[in-house]
Structure formats: structure tokens, C-alpha cells
Amino acid sequence: MKLNIDFIAAMLLVVAGLNWGLVGFFGYDLVGNLLGSGMMQRAAYGAVGLAALYELVHWFQGRCAAKSG
């Protein structure tokens, strides 16, 4: 189960990074265009935020474990 959550979080962050690259370089919001401007878009961005928080916690846990061990 943990591997699946890690994979999903990583894929959400990759998609979000690519989307922000498109926004930054070309002014094109792929997620916004695919999902519209309603609840689906907000849910997608919320999921990306949760994925980032999940990965951040794992990153800090790994750094703390490395320092103590």
C-alpha cells in the first residue's frame, strides 16, 4: 500500500511540475483546460498539495533518520 501512495504522490508532483512549466513558458494551463474551473480543478490542485505535503514529511523523516543513525 505504501508503495502505491508513494507512486501516486510522485506522479501527481510530476504532472503538476509539467503543468507549471507549461504555464510559465507558454501561458497554457493544461489542468485548467482539461478540468475546467470548477470543483474538479480545485480537487486536482488539492490532491497535488496533499502529495507535496506527503513527500515533504517523508523527506524530513529521512533526513532526521540519517542524522540520528
N, C-alpha and C. Protein backbone atom coordinates (compact mmCIF):
# COMPACT_ATOMS: atom_id res chain seq x y z
N MET A 1 0.83 -1.20 0.00
CA MET A 1 0.00 0.00 0.00
C MET A 1 0.86 1.25 0.00
N LYS A 2 1.93 1.25 0.80
CA LYS A 2 2.79 2.42 0.88
C LYS A 2 3.43 2.73 -0.47
N LEU A 3 3.85 1.71 -1.18
CA LEU A 3 4.47 1.91 -2.48
C LEU A 3 3.48 2.59 -3.43
N ASN A 4 2.23 2.20 -3.39
CA ASN A 4 1.24 2.80 -4.26
C ASN A 4 1.03 4.28 -3.93
N ILE A 5 0.99 4.61 -2.65
CA ILE A 5 0.82 6.01 -2.26
C ILE A 5 2.03 6.82 -2.67
N ASP A 6 3.23 6.27 -2.50
CA ASP A 6 4.44 6.97 -2.94
C ASP A 6 4.42 7.21 -4.44
N PHE A 7 4.02 6.21 -5.19
CA PHE A 7 3.97 6.34 -6.65
C PHE A 7 2.94 7.38 -7.07
N ILE A 8 1.76 7.34 -6.46
CA ILE A 8 0.71 8.31 -6.80
C ILE A 8 1.16 9.73 -6.46
N ALA A 9 1.76 9.90 -5.29
CA ALA A 9 2.24 11.22 -4.89
C ALA A 9 3.31 11.72 -5.87
N ALA A 10 4.22 10.85 -6.25
CA ALA A 10 5.27 11.25 -7.18
C ALA A 10 4.69 11.62 -8.54
N MET A 11 3.73 10.85 -9.04
CA MET A 11 3.13 11.14 -10.33
C MET A 11 2.35 12.45 -10.29
N LEU A 12 1.64 12.71 -9.20
CA LEU A 12 0.92 13.98 -9.08
C LEU A 12 1.90 15.15 -9.12
N LEU A 13 3.04 15.01 -8.45
CA LEU A 13 4.03 16.09 -8.44
C LEU A 13 4.68 16.27 -9.81
N VAL A 14 4.88 15.18 -10.53
CA VAL A 14 5.44 15.29 -11.88
C VAL A 14 4.45 16.00 -12.81
N VAL A 15 3.19 15.60 -12.76
CA VAL A 15 2.18 16.24 -13.59
C VAL A 15 2.06 17.72 -13.24
N ALA A 16 2.06 18.03 -11.93
CA ALA A 16 1.97 19.43 -11.51
C ALA A 16 3.18 20.23 -11.98
N GLY A 17 4.35 19.63 -11.89
CA GLY A 17 5.56 20.33 -12.36
C GLY A 17 5.51 20.60 -13.85
N LEU A 18 5.06 19.61 -14.61
CA LEU A 18 4.93 19.82 -16.06
C LEU A 18 3.88 20.88 -16.36
N ASN A 19 2.78 20.87 -15.61
CA ASN A 19 1.74 21.87 -15.81
C ASN A 19 2.29 23.27 -15.52
N TRP A 20 3.03 23.41 -14.42
CA TRP A 20 3.59 24.73 -14.10
C TRP A 20 4.64 25.15 -15.13
N GLY A 21 5.35 24.19 -15.69
CA GLY A 21 6.27 24.52 -16.77
C GLY A 21 5.54 25.07 -17.98
N LEU A 22 4.43 24.43 -18.33
CA LEU A 22 3.61 24.93 -19.44
C LEU A 22 3.06 26.32 -19.15
N VAL A 23 2.62 26.54 -17.91
CA VAL A 23 2.10 27.85 -17.54
C VAL A 23 3.21 28.89 -17.63
N GLY A 24 4.37 28.55 -17.10
CA GLY A 24 5.47 29.51 -17.07
C GLY A 24 6.03 29.85 -18.44
N PHE A 25 6.19 28.83 -19.28
CA PHE A 25 6.83 29.07 -20.58
C PHE A 25 5.85 29.47 -21.68
N PHE A 26 4.64 28.95 -21.62
CA PHE A 26 3.71 29.16 -22.72
C PHE A 26 2.39 29.79 -22.32
N GLY A 27 2.17 30.00 -21.03
CA GLY A 27 0.91 30.58 -20.57
C GLY A 27 -0.28 29.64 -20.76
N TYR A 28 -0.02 28.33 -20.78
CA TYR A 28 -1.06 27.34 -21.03
C TYR A 28 -1.25 26.46 -19.80
N ASP A 29 -2.43 26.50 -19.20
CA ASP A 29 -2.76 25.70 -18.02
C ASP A 29 -3.48 24.43 -18.48
N LEU A 30 -2.73 23.34 -18.62
CA LEU A 30 -3.29 22.09 -19.12
C LEU A 30 -4.35 21.54 -18.17
N VAL A 31 -4.07 21.53 -16.87
CA VAL A 31 -5.04 21.01 -15.90
C VAL A 31 -6.31 21.85 -15.93
N GLY A 32 -6.17 23.16 -15.96
CA GLY A 32 -7.33 24.04 -16.02
C GLY A 32 -8.15 23.82 -17.27
N ASN A 33 -7.48 23.60 -18.40
CA ASN A 33 -8.20 23.38 -19.65
C ASN A 33 -8.87 22.01 -19.70
N LEU A 34 -8.25 21.00 -19.09
CA LEU A 34 -8.85 19.67 -19.08
C LEU A 34 -10.01 19.56 -18.10
N LEU A 35 -9.88 20.19 -16.94
CA LEU A 35 -10.86 20.00 -15.87
C LEU A 35 -11.84 21.16 -15.71
N GLY A 36 -11.60 22.24 -16.41
CA GLY A 36 -12.47 23.41 -16.25
C GLY A 36 -12.07 24.20 -15.01
N SER A 37 -12.93 25.11 -14.61
CA SER A 37 -12.58 25.97 -13.48
C SER A 37 -13.43 25.69 -12.25
N GLY A 38 -13.99 24.50 -12.17
CA GLY A 38 -14.88 24.18 -11.06
C GLY A 38 -14.22 23.33 -9.99
N MET A 39 -15.03 22.51 -9.39
CA MET A 39 -14.58 21.68 -8.28
C MET A 39 -13.54 20.64 -8.69
N MET A 40 -13.61 20.15 -9.91
CA MET A 40 -12.62 19.15 -10.35
C MET A 40 -11.22 19.75 -10.38
N GLN A 41 -11.10 20.97 -10.86
CA GLN A 41 -9.80 21.62 -10.88
C GLN A 41 -9.30 21.85 -9.45
N ARG A 42 -10.18 22.31 -8.58
CA ARG A 42 -9.79 22.54 -7.18
C ARG A 42 -9.39 21.24 -6.51
N ALA A 43 -10.11 20.15 -6.82
CA ALA A 43 -9.77 18.84 -6.26
C ALA A 43 -8.40 18.37 -6.74
N ALA A 44 -8.11 18.60 -8.02
CA ALA A 44 -6.81 18.20 -8.56
C ALA A 44 -5.69 19.00 -7.90
N TYR A 45 -5.86 20.29 -7.77
CA TYR A 45 -4.83 21.10 -7.13
C TYR A 45 -4.70 20.76 -5.64
N GLY A 46 -5.83 20.43 -5.01
CA GLY A 46 -5.78 20.00 -3.62
C GLY A 46 -5.02 18.69 -3.46
N ALA A 47 -5.24 17.75 -4.39
CA ALA A 47 -4.52 16.48 -4.36
C ALA A 47 -3.03 16.69 -4.54
N VAL A 48 -2.65 17.62 -5.40
CA VAL A 48 -1.23 17.93 -5.59
C VAL A 48 -0.64 18.52 -4.32
N GLY A 49 -1.39 19.39 -3.66
CA GLY A 49 -0.92 19.96 -2.41
C GLY A 49 -0.73 18.89 -1.34
N LEU A 50 -1.66 17.95 -1.25
CA LEU A 50 -1.52 16.86 -0.29
C LEU A 50 -0.33 15.96 -0.65
N ALA A 51 -0.13 15.72 -1.94
CA ALA A 51 1.02 14.92 -2.37
C ALA A 51 2.33 15.61 -2.00
N ALA A 52 2.39 16.91 -2.17
CA ALA A 52 3.59 17.66 -1.81
C ALA A 52 3.84 17.60 -0.31
N LEU A 53 2.79 17.74 0.47
CA LEU A 53 2.92 17.65 1.92
C LEU A 53 3.38 16.26 2.34
N TYR A 54 2.82 15.23 1.73
CA TYR A 54 3.21 13.85 2.00
C TYR A 54 4.69 13.64 1.71
N GLU A 55 5.14 14.10 0.55
CA GLU A 55 6.55 13.94 0.18
C GLU A 55 7.46 14.77 1.08
N LEU A 56 7.02 15.94 1.48
CA LEU A 56 7.81 16.79 2.37
C LEU A 56 8.01 16.11 3.72
N VAL A 57 6.96 15.52 4.26
CA VAL A 57 7.07 14.81 5.53
C VAL A 57 8.05 13.65 5.40
N HIS A 58 7.96 12.89 4.31
CA HIS A 58 8.88 11.78 4.11
C HIS A 58 10.31 12.27 3.95
N TRP A 59 10.50 13.39 3.32
CA TRP A 59 11.84 13.94 3.13
C TRP A 59 12.45 14.32 4.48
N PHE A 60 11.66 14.99 5.32
CA PHE A 60 12.16 15.36 6.63
C PHE A 60 12.39 14.15 7.52
N GLN A 61 11.53 13.13 7.44
CA GLN A 61 11.73 11.93 8.22
C GLN A 61 13.01 11.22 7.80
N GLY A 62 13.29 11.21 6.53
CA GLY A 62 14.52 10.59 6.03
C GLY A 62 15.75 11.34 6.48
N ARG A 63 15.68 12.68 6.48
CA ARG A 63 16.82 13.48 6.91
C ARG A 63 17.06 13.33 8.40
N CYS A 64 15.99 13.29 9.18
CA CYS A 64 16.14 13.13 10.64
C CYS A 64 16.69 11.74 10.98
N ALA A 65 16.25 10.72 10.25
CA ALA A 65 16.73 9.37 10.49
C ALA A 65 18.20 9.26 10.11
N ALA A 66 18.61 9.94 9.06
CA ALA A 66 20.00 9.90 8.63
C ALA A 66 20.92 10.59 9.64
N LYS A 67 20.44 11.68 10.23
CA LYS A 67 21.26 12.40 11.22
C LYS A 67 21.41 11.62 12.52
N SER A 68 20.34 10.92 12.92
CA SER A 68 20.38 10.22 14.20
C SER A 68 21.04 8.86 14.08
N GLY A 69 21.12 8.31 12.88
CA GLY A 69 21.65 6.95 12.72
C GLY A 69 22.96 6.95 12.15
